[in-house]
Amino acid sequence: MSDPQPVEIRTVAYTVSADYLASVGGDFDARGVDDAVLDRLNADLPEGIEVRRDGRVFALPDVADAARAVDFDQLLADMDLDQILAEHGR
């Protein structure tokens, strides 16, 4: 029997906008910031759920319902974006 294929659940806008980066007044590695946000977002998700670089959320079939119930906006809001920016200044 083959491994179950992930199911696409939704799309999440996780990238930090250029306007926000400009508003905090610094020079940041935007790609590094987005990578760090994505890494932390995925670390906060239950096993079997993944946000990919293009923002699409996939889940294994047995956790698809749980993935649909995830409050991605809240997970993103709870991140310490200032810390992420501090780690990715130029």
PDB file of N, CA and C in Angstrom:
ATOM      1  N   MET A   1       0.839  -1.164   0.000  1.00  0.00           N
ATOM      2  CA  MET A   1       0.000   0.000   0.000  1.00  0.00           C
ATOM      3  C   MET A   1       0.896   1.243   0.000  1.00  0.00           C
ATOM      4  N   SER A   2       0.551   2.238  -0.822  1.00  0.00           N
ATOM      5  CA  SER A   2       1.356   3.449  -0.903  1.00  0.00           C
ATOM      6  C   SER A   2       0.957   4.431   0.192  1.00  0.00           C
ATOM      7  N   ASP A   3       1.870   5.359   0.454  1.00  0.00           N
ATOM      8  CA  ASP A   3       1.589   6.392   1.449  1.00  0.00           C
ATOM      9  C   ASP A   3       0.443   7.281   0.964  1.00  0.00           C
ATOM     10  N   PRO A   4      -0.393   7.762   1.883  1.00  0.00           N
ATOM     11  CA  PRO A   4      -1.496   8.641   1.479  1.00  0.00           C
ATOM     12  C   PRO A   4      -0.955   9.958   0.923  1.00  0.00           C
ATOM     13  N   GLN A   5      -1.601  10.463  -0.086  1.00  0.00           N
ATOM     14  CA  GLN A   5      -1.202  11.716  -0.715  1.00  0.00           C
ATOM     15  C   GLN A   5      -1.834  12.892   0.030  1.00  0.00           C
ATOM     16  N   PRO A   6      -1.067  13.979   0.223  1.00  0.00           N
ATOM     17  CA  PRO A   6      -1.623  15.148   0.888  1.00  0.00           C
ATOM     18  C   PRO A   6      -2.780  15.752   0.097  1.00  0.00           C
ATOM     19  N   VAL A   7      -3.691  16.367   0.827  1.00  0.00           N
ATOM     20  CA  VAL A   7      -4.862  17.022   0.260  1.00  0.00           C
ATOM     21  C   VAL A   7      -4.645  18.530   0.365  1.00  0.00           C
ATOM     22  N   GLU A   8      -4.925  19.254  -0.725  1.00  0.00           N
ATOM     23  CA  GLU A   8      -4.812  20.714  -0.650  1.00  0.00           C
ATOM     24  C   GLU A   8      -6.007  21.261   0.110  1.00  0.00           C
ATOM     25  N   ILE A   9      -5.733  22.127   1.103  1.00  0.00           N
ATOM     26  CA  ILE A   9      -6.763  22.641   1.993  1.00  0.00           C
ATOM     27  C   ILE A   9      -7.154  24.078   1.637  1.00  0.00           C
ATOM     28  N   ARG A  10      -6.170  24.933   1.477  1.00  0.00           N
ATOM     29  CA  ARG A  10      -6.413  26.357   1.226  1.00  0.00           C
ATOM     30  C   ARG A  10      -5.095  27.034   0.891  1.00  0.00           C
ATOM     31  N   THR A  11      -5.121  28.343   0.747  1.00  0.00           N
ATOM     32  CA  THR A  11      -3.917  29.136   0.533  1.00  0.00           C
ATOM     33  C   THR A  11      -3.818  30.158   1.656  1.00  0.00           C
ATOM     34  N   VAL A  12      -2.600  30.374   2.152  1.00  0.00           N
ATOM     35  CA  VAL A  12      -2.350  31.313   3.236  1.00  0.00           C
ATOM     36  C   VAL A  12      -1.363  32.375   2.751  1.00  0.00           C
ATOM     37  N   ALA A  13      -1.676  33.620   2.984  1.00  0.00           N
ATOM     38  CA  ALA A  13      -0.762  34.728   2.669  1.00  0.00           C
ATOM     39  C   ALA A  13       0.123  34.948   3.891  1.00  0.00           C
ATOM     40  N   TYR A  14       1.305  34.376   3.878  1.00  0.00           N
ATOM     41  CA  TYR A  14       2.194  34.446   5.038  1.00  0.00           C
ATOM     42  C   TYR A  14       3.337  35.442   4.849  1.00  0.00           C
ATOM     43  N   THR A  15       3.560  35.926   3.641  1.00  0.00           N
ATOM     44  CA  THR A  15       4.713  36.783   3.393  1.00  0.00           C
ATOM     45  C   THR A  15       4.501  38.171   4.008  1.00  0.00           C
ATOM     46  N   VAL A  16       5.595  38.781   4.405  1.00  0.00           N
ATOM     47  CA  VAL A  16       5.557  40.113   5.001  1.00  0.00           C
ATOM     48  C   VAL A  16       5.599  41.134   3.870  1.00  0.00           C
ATOM     49  N   SER A  17       4.678  42.074   3.874  1.00  0.00           N
ATOM     50  CA  SER A  17       4.581  43.034   2.774  1.00  0.00           C
ATOM     51  C   SER A  17       5.765  44.004   2.771  1.00  0.00           C
ATOM     52  N   ALA A  18       6.113  44.466   1.584  1.00  0.00           N
ATOM     53  CA  ALA A  18       7.175  45.462   1.434  1.00  0.00           C
ATOM     54  C   ALA A  18       6.792  46.747   2.159  1.00  0.00           C
ATOM     55  N   ASP A  19       5.502  47.084   2.157  1.00  0.00           N
ATOM     56  CA  ASP A  19       5.037  48.280   2.863  1.00  0.00           C
ATOM     57  C   ASP A  19       5.318  48.176   4.354  1.00  0.00           C
ATOM     58  N   TYR A  20       5.086  46.996   4.921  1.00  0.00           N
ATOM     59  CA  TYR A  20       5.353  46.821   6.349  1.00  0.00           C
ATOM     60  C   TYR A  20       6.847  46.929   6.621  1.00  0.00           C
ATOM     61  N   LEU A  21       7.652  46.277   5.794  1.00  0.00           N
ATOM     62  CA  LEU A  21       9.102  46.344   5.986  1.00  0.00           C
ATOM     63  C   LEU A  21       9.577  47.790   5.919  1.00  0.00           C
ATOM     64  N   ALA A  22       9.044  48.563   4.981  1.00  0.00           N
ATOM     65  CA  ALA A  22       9.431  49.974   4.854  1.00  0.00           C
ATOM     66  C   ALA A  22       8.966  50.773   6.071  1.00  0.00           C
ATOM     67  N   SER A  23       7.809  50.418   6.618  1.00  0.00           N
ATOM     68  CA  SER A  23       7.262  51.182   7.741  1.00  0.00           C
ATOM     69  C   SER A  23       8.083  51.017   9.016  1.00  0.00           C
ATOM     70  N   VAL A  24       8.794  49.902   9.145  1.00  0.00           N
ATOM     71  CA  VAL A  24       9.600  49.705  10.349  1.00  0.00           C
ATOM     72  C   VAL A  24      10.992  50.295  10.194  1.00  0.00           C
ATOM     73  N   GLY A  25      11.293  50.801   9.016  1.00  0.00           N
ATOM     74  CA  GLY A  25      12.516  51.569   8.807  1.00  0.00           C
ATOM     75  C   GLY A  25      13.796  50.796   8.966  1.00  0.00           C
ATOM     76  N   GLY A  26      14.024  49.877   8.108  1.00  0.00           N
ATOM     77  CA  GLY A  26      15.273  49.145   8.125  1.00  0.00           C
ATOM     78  C   GLY A  26      15.471  48.426   6.816  1.00  0.00           C
ATOM     79  N   ASP A  27      16.651  47.876   6.653  1.00  0.00           N
ATOM     80  CA  ASP A  27      16.957  47.117   5.459  1.00  0.00           C
ATOM     81  C   ASP A  27      16.987  45.649   5.857  1.00  0.00           C
ATOM     82  N   PHE A  28      16.043  44.903   5.308  1.00  0.00           N
ATOM     83  CA  PHE A  28      15.895  43.512   5.701  1.00  0.00           C
ATOM     84  C   PHE A  28      16.067  42.588   4.516  1.00  0.00           C
ATOM     85  N   ASP A  29      16.492  41.384   4.801  1.00  0.00           N
ATOM     86  CA  ASP A  29      16.523  40.320   3.806  1.00  0.00           C
ATOM     87  C   ASP A  29      15.095  39.783   3.721  1.00  0.00           C
ATOM     88  N   ALA A  30      14.317  40.343   2.779  1.00  0.00           N
ATOM     89  CA  ALA A  30      12.893  40.002   2.686  1.00  0.00           C
ATOM     90  C   ALA A  30      12.682  38.507   2.485  1.00  0.00           C
ATOM     91  N   ARG A  31      13.499  37.893   1.665  1.00  0.00           N
ATOM     92  CA  ARG A  31      13.367  36.438   1.434  1.00  0.00           C
ATOM     93  C   ARG A  31      13.638  35.675   2.730  1.00  0.00           C
ATOM     94  N   GLY A  32      14.654  36.100   3.460  1.00  0.00           N
ATOM     95  CA  GLY A  32      14.974  35.462   4.737  1.00  0.00           C
ATOM     96  C   GLY A  32      13.861  35.633   5.752  1.00  0.00           C
ATOM     97  N   VAL A  33      13.245  36.818   5.775  1.00  0.00           N
ATOM     98  CA  VAL A  33      12.122  37.071   6.677  1.00  0.00           C
ATOM     99  C   VAL A  33      10.968  36.139   6.330  1.00  0.00           C
ATOM    100  N   ASP A  34      10.627  36.079   5.039  1.00  0.00           N
ATOM    101  CA  ASP A  34       9.522  35.204   4.628  1.00  0.00           C
ATOM    102  C   ASP A  34       9.827  33.739   4.925  1.00  0.00           C
ATOM    103  N   ASP A  35      11.075  33.325   4.702  1.00  0.00           N
ATOM    104  CA  ASP A  35      11.458  31.941   5.009  1.00  0.00           C
ATOM    105  C   ASP A  35      11.301  31.650   6.498  1.00  0.00           C
ATOM    106  N   ALA A  36      11.703  32.607   7.339  1.00  0.00           N
ATOM    107  CA  ALA A  36      11.600  32.415   8.786  1.00  0.00           C
ATOM    108  C   ALA A  36      10.140  32.350   9.224  1.00  0.00           C
ATOM    109  N   VAL A  37       9.291  33.209   8.644  1.00  0.00           N
ATOM    110  CA  VAL A  37       7.860  33.169   8.971  1.00  0.00           C
ATOM    111  C   VAL A  37       7.285  31.812   8.569  1.00  0.00           C
ATOM    112  N   LEU A  38       7.623  31.351   7.376  1.00  0.00           N
ATOM    113  CA  LEU A  38       7.128  30.055   6.911  1.00  0.00           C
ATOM    114  C   LEU A  38       7.605  28.924   7.818  1.00  0.00           C
ATOM    115  N   ASP A  39       8.886  28.946   8.195  1.00  0.00           N
ATOM    116  CA  ASP A  39       9.424  27.907   9.083  1.00  0.00           C
ATOM    117  C   ASP A  39       8.697  27.886  10.423  1.00  0.00           C
ATOM    118  N   ARG A  40       8.478  29.073  10.992  1.00  0.00           N
ATOM    119  CA  ARG A  40       7.806  29.136  12.296  1.00  0.00           C
ATOM    120  C   ARG A  40       6.341  28.742  12.182  1.00  0.00           C
ATOM    121  N   LEU A  41       5.705  29.135  11.097  1.00  0.00           N
ATOM    122  CA  LEU A  41       4.313  28.751  10.872  1.00  0.00           C
ATOM    123  C   LEU A  41       4.199  27.238  10.799  1.00  0.00           C
ATOM    124  N   ASN A  42       5.063  26.602  10.011  1.00  0.00           N
ATOM    125  CA  ASN A  42       5.022  25.150   9.894  1.00  0.00           C
ATOM    126  C   ASN A  42       5.355  24.459  11.213  1.00  0.00           C
ATOM    127  N   ALA A  43       6.247  25.051  11.995  1.00  0.00           N
ATOM    128  CA  ALA A  43       6.596  24.464  13.294  1.00  0.00           C
ATOM    129  C   ALA A  43       5.410  24.496  14.255  1.00  0.00           C
ATOM    130  N   ASP A  44       4.505  25.466  14.079  1.00  0.00           N
ATOM    131  CA  ASP A  44       3.347  25.599  14.962  1.00  0.00           C
ATOM    132  C   ASP A  44       2.160  24.733  14.542  1.00  0.00           C
ATOM    133  N   LEU A  45       2.266  24.106  13.393  1.00  0.00           N
ATOM    134  CA  LEU A  45       1.154  23.296  12.887  1.00  0.00           C
ATOM    135  C   LEU A  45       1.241  21.858  13.377  1.00  0.00           C
ATOM    136  N   PRO A  46       0.108  21.207  13.523  1.00  0.00           N
ATOM    137  CA  PRO A  46       0.125  19.795  13.891  1.00  0.00           C
ATOM    138  C   PRO A  46       0.832  18.948  12.817  1.00  0.00           C
ATOM    139  N   GLU A  47       1.345  17.832  13.227  1.00  0.00           N
ATOM    140  CA  GLU A  47       1.996  16.881  12.320  1.00  0.00           C
ATOM    141  C   GLU A  47       1.045  16.533  11.181  1.00  0.00           C
ATOM    142  N   GLY A  48       1.576  16.518   9.971  1.00  0.00           N
ATOM    143  CA  GLY A  48       0.780  16.141   8.808  1.00  0.00           C
ATOM    144  C   GLY A  48       0.170  17.319   8.064  1.00  0.00           C
ATOM    145  N   ILE A  49       0.406  18.546   8.571  1.00  0.00           N
ATOM    146  CA  ILE A  49      -0.082  19.756   7.914  1.00  0.00           C
ATOM    147  C   ILE A  49       1.128  20.600   7.543  1.00  0.00           C
ATOM    148  N   GLU A  50       1.142  21.117   6.322  1.00  0.00           N
ATOM    149  CA  GLU A  50       2.292  21.884   5.845  1.00  0.00           C
ATOM    150  C   GLU A  50       1.840  23.045   4.972  1.00  0.00           C
ATOM    151  N   VAL A  51       2.449  24.207   5.201  1.00  0.00           N
ATOM    152  CA  VAL A  51       2.293  25.344   4.306  1.00  0.00           C
ATOM    153  C   VAL A  51       3.528  25.358   3.415  1.00  0.00           C
ATOM    154  N   ARG A  52       3.298  25.363   2.129  1.00  0.00           N
ATOM    155  CA  ARG A  52       4.412  25.380   1.177  1.00  0.00           C
ATOM    156  C   ARG A  52       4.765  26.807   0.801  1.00  0.00           C
ATOM    157  N   ARG A  53       5.905  26.964   0.164  1.00  0.00           N
ATOM    158  CA  ARG A  53       6.432  28.289  -0.172  1.00  0.00           C
ATOM    159  C   ARG A  53       5.426  29.142  -0.949  1.00  0.00           C
ATOM    160  N   ASP A  54       4.600  28.523  -1.777  1.00  0.00           N
ATOM    161  CA  ASP A  54       3.619  29.293  -2.553  1.00  0.00           C
ATOM    162  C   ASP A  54       2.359  29.621  -1.743  1.00  0.00           C
ATOM    163  N   GLY A  55       2.358  29.257  -0.457  1.00  0.00           N
ATOM    164  CA  GLY A  55       1.240  29.568   0.424  1.00  0.00           C
ATOM    165  C   GLY A  55       0.152  28.514   0.469  1.00  0.00           C
ATOM    166  N   ARG A  56       0.254  27.498  -0.383  1.00  0.00           N
ATOM    167  CA  ARG A  56      -0.771  26.457  -0.364  1.00  0.00           C
ATOM    168  C   ARG A  56      -0.571  25.561   0.855  1.00  0.00           C
ATOM    169  N   VAL A  57      -1.689  25.247   1.500  1.00  0.00           N
ATOM    170  CA  VAL A  57      -1.684  24.394   2.684  1.00  0.00           C
ATOM    171  C   VAL A  57      -2.099  22.991   2.263  1.00  0.00           C
ATOM    172  N   PHE A  58      -1.296  22.019   2.651  1.00  0.00           N
ATOM    173  CA  PHE A  58      -1.595  20.621   2.381  1.00  0.00           C
ATOM    174  C   PHE A  58      -1.658  19.865   3.697  1.00  0.00           C
ATOM    175  N   ALA A  59      -2.474  18.836   3.725  1.00  0.00           N
ATOM    176  CA  ALA A  59      -2.596  18.003   4.916  1.00  0.00           C
ATOM    177  C   ALA A  59      -2.791  16.557   4.496  1.00  0.00           C
ATOM    178  N   LEU A  60      -2.276  15.668   5.310  1.00  0.00           N
ATOM    179  CA  LEU A  60      -2.552  14.253   5.089  1.00  0.00           C
ATOM    180  C   LEU A  60      -4.039  14.029   5.330  1.00  0.00           C
ATOM    181  N   PRO A  61      -4.630  13.070   4.641  1.00  0.00           N
ATOM    182  CA  PRO A  61      -6.080  12.868   4.737  1.00  0.00           C
ATOM    183  C   PRO A  61      -6.609  12.722   6.168  1.00  0.00           C
ATOM    184  N   ASP A  62      -5.850  12.072   7.039  1.00  0.00           N
ATOM    185  CA  ASP A  62      -6.353  11.844   8.395  1.00  0.00           C
ATOM    186  C   ASP A  62      -6.352  13.102   9.274  1.00  0.00           C
ATOM    187  N   VAL A  63      -5.698  14.186   8.823  1.00  0.00           N
ATOM    188  CA  VAL A  63      -5.712  15.442   9.583  1.00  0.00           C
ATOM    189  C   VAL A  63      -6.284  16.603   8.757  1.00  0.00           C
ATOM    190  N   ALA A  64      -6.932  16.269   7.644  1.00  0.00           N
ATOM    191  CA  ALA A  64      -7.480  17.312   6.763  1.00  0.00           C
ATOM    192  C   ALA A  64      -8.529  18.161   7.480  1.00  0.00           C
ATOM    193  N   ASP A  65      -9.397  17.548   8.265  1.00  0.00           N
ATOM    194  CA  ASP A  65     -10.413  18.326   8.981  1.00  0.00           C
ATOM    195  C   ASP A  65      -9.762  19.253  10.006  1.00  0.00           C
ATOM    196  N   ALA A  66      -8.735  18.759  10.688  1.00  0.00           N
ATOM    197  CA  ALA A  66      -8.017  19.600  11.651  1.00  0.00           C
ATOM    198  C   ALA A  66      -7.335  20.757  10.930  1.00  0.00           C
ATOM    199  N   ALA A  67      -6.799  20.505   9.748  1.00  0.00           N
ATOM    200  CA  ALA A  67      -6.139  21.563   8.968  1.00  0.00           C
ATOM    201  C   ALA A  67      -7.134  22.641   8.571  1.00  0.00           C
ATOM    202  N   ARG A  68      -8.334  22.244   8.221  1.00  0.00           N
ATOM    203  CA  ARG A  68      -9.363  23.220   7.838  1.00  0.00           C
ATOM    204  C   ARG A  68      -9.773  24.096   9.026  1.00  0.00           C
ATOM    205  N   ALA A  69      -9.592  23.592  10.232  1.00  0.00           N
ATOM    206  CA  ALA A  69      -9.987  24.324  11.432  1.00  0.00           C
ATOM    207  C   ALA A  69      -8.876  25.231  11.978  1.00  0.00           C
ATOM    208  N   VAL A  70      -7.674  25.137  11.429  1.00  0.00           N
ATOM    209  CA  VAL A  70      -6.562  25.951  11.920  1.00  0.00           C
ATOM    210  C   VAL A  70      -6.838  27.432  11.646  1.00  0.00           C
ATOM    211  N   ASP A  71      -6.621  28.256  12.637  1.00  0.00           N
ATOM    212  CA  ASP A  71      -6.759  29.709  12.491  1.00  0.00           C
ATOM    213  C   ASP A  71      -5.388  30.270  12.094  1.00  0.00           C
ATOM    214  N   PHE A  72      -5.123  30.260  10.810  1.00  0.00           N
ATOM    215  CA  PHE A  72      -3.827  30.705  10.313  1.00  0.00           C
ATOM    216  C   PHE A  72      -3.586  32.182  10.601  1.00  0.00           C
ATOM    217  N   ASP A  73      -4.624  32.987  10.520  1.00  0.00           N
ATOM    218  CA  ASP A  73      -4.469  34.414  10.822  1.00  0.00           C
ATOM    219  C   ASP A  73      -3.985  34.608  12.258  1.00  0.00           C
ATOM    220  N   GLN A  74      -4.524  33.835  13.183  1.00  0.00           N
ATOM    221  CA  GLN A  74      -4.107  33.947  14.580  1.00  0.00           C
ATOM    222  C   GLN A  74      -2.681  33.454  14.767  1.00  0.00           C
ATOM    223  N   LEU A  75      -2.323  32.351  14.120  1.00  0.00           N
ATOM    224  CA  LEU A  75      -0.942  31.857  14.218  1.00  0.00           C
ATOM    225  C   LEU A  75       0.041  32.916  13.738  1.00  0.00           C
ATOM    226  N   LEU A  76      -0.287  33.573  12.629  1.00  0.00           N
ATOM    227  CA  LEU A  76       0.591  34.624  12.100  1.00  0.00           C
ATOM    228  C   LEU A  76       0.631  35.828  13.036  1.00  0.00           C
ATOM    229  N   ALA A  77      -0.517  36.196  13.589  1.00  0.00           N
ATOM    230  CA  ALA A  77      -0.579  37.342  14.496  1.00  0.00           C
ATOM    231  C   ALA A  77       0.213  37.081  15.779  1.00  0.00           C
ATOM    232  N   ASP A  78       0.283  35.838  16.205  1.00  0.00           N
ATOM    233  CA  ASP A  78       0.988  35.484  17.436  1.00  0.00           C
ATOM    234  C   ASP A  78       2.505  35.448  17.276  1.00  0.00           C
ATOM    235  N   MET A  79       2.999  35.488  16.061  1.00  0.00           N
ATOM    236  CA  MET A  79       4.445  35.444  15.833  1.00  0.00           C
ATOM    237  C   MET A  79       5.085  36.748  16.291  1.00  0.00           C
ATOM    238  N   ASP A  80       6.304  36.643  16.762  1.00  0.00           N
ATOM    239  CA  ASP A  80       7.073  37.820  17.151  1.00  0.00           C
ATOM    240  C   ASP A  80       7.812  38.324  15.912  1.00  0.00           C
ATOM    241  N   LEU A  81       7.097  39.102  15.107  1.00  0.00           N
ATOM    242  CA  LEU A  81       7.664  39.587  13.850  1.00  0.00           C
ATOM    243  C   LEU A  81       8.867  40.489  14.090  1.00  0.00           C
ATOM    244  N   ASP A  82       8.865  41.254  15.174  1.00  0.00           N
ATOM    245  CA  ASP A  82      10.020  42.097  15.481  1.00  0.00           C
ATOM    246  C   ASP A  82      11.278  41.257  15.674  1.00  0.00           C
ATOM    247  N   GLN A  83      11.148  40.121  16.324  1.00  0.00           N
ATOM    248  CA  GLN A  83      12.280  39.236  16.524  1.00  0.00           C
ATOM    249  C   GLN A  83      12.765  38.664  15.200  1.00  0.00           C
ATOM    250  N   ILE A  84      11.831  38.264  14.365  1.00  0.00           N
ATOM    251  CA  ILE A  84      12.201  37.727  13.046  1.00  0.00           C
ATOM    252  C   ILE A  84      12.935  38.796  12.249  1.00  0.00           C
ATOM    253  N   LEU A  85      12.410  40.028  12.257  1.00  0.00           N
ATOM    254  CA  LEU A  85      13.081  41.116  11.536  1.00  0.00           C
ATOM    255  C   LEU A  85      14.471  41.375  12.096  1.00  0.00           C
ATOM    256  N   ALA A  86      14.604  41.348  13.407  1.00  0.00           N
ATOM    257  CA  ALA A  86      15.907  41.570  14.031  1.00  0.00           C
ATOM    258  C   ALA A  86      16.931  40.515  13.586  1.00  0.00           C
ATOM    259  N   GLU A  87      16.462  39.320  13.353  1.00  0.00           N
ATOM    260  CA  GLU A  87      17.346  38.237  12.932  1.00  0.00           C
ATOM    261  C   GLU A  87      17.717  38.309  11.450  1.00  0.00           C
ATOM    262  N   HIS A  88      17.017  39.153  10.685  1.00  0.00           N
ATOM    263  CA  HIS A  88      17.236  39.181   9.242  1.00  0.00           C
ATOM    264  C   HIS A  88      17.530  40.568   8.696  1.00  0.00           C
ATOM    265  N   GLY A  89      18.133  41.411   9.530  1.00  0.00           N
ATOM    266  CA  GLY A  89      18.556  42.721   9.053  1.00  0.00           C
ATOM    267  C   GLY A  89      19.809  42.588   8.198  1.00  0.00           C
ATOM    268  N   ARG A  90      20.020  43.593   7.398  1.00  0.00           N
ATOM    269  CA  ARG A  90      21.256  43.579   6.570  1.00  0.00           C
ATOM    270  C   ARG A  90      22.275  44.500   7.169  1.00  0.00           C
TER     271      ARG A  90
END
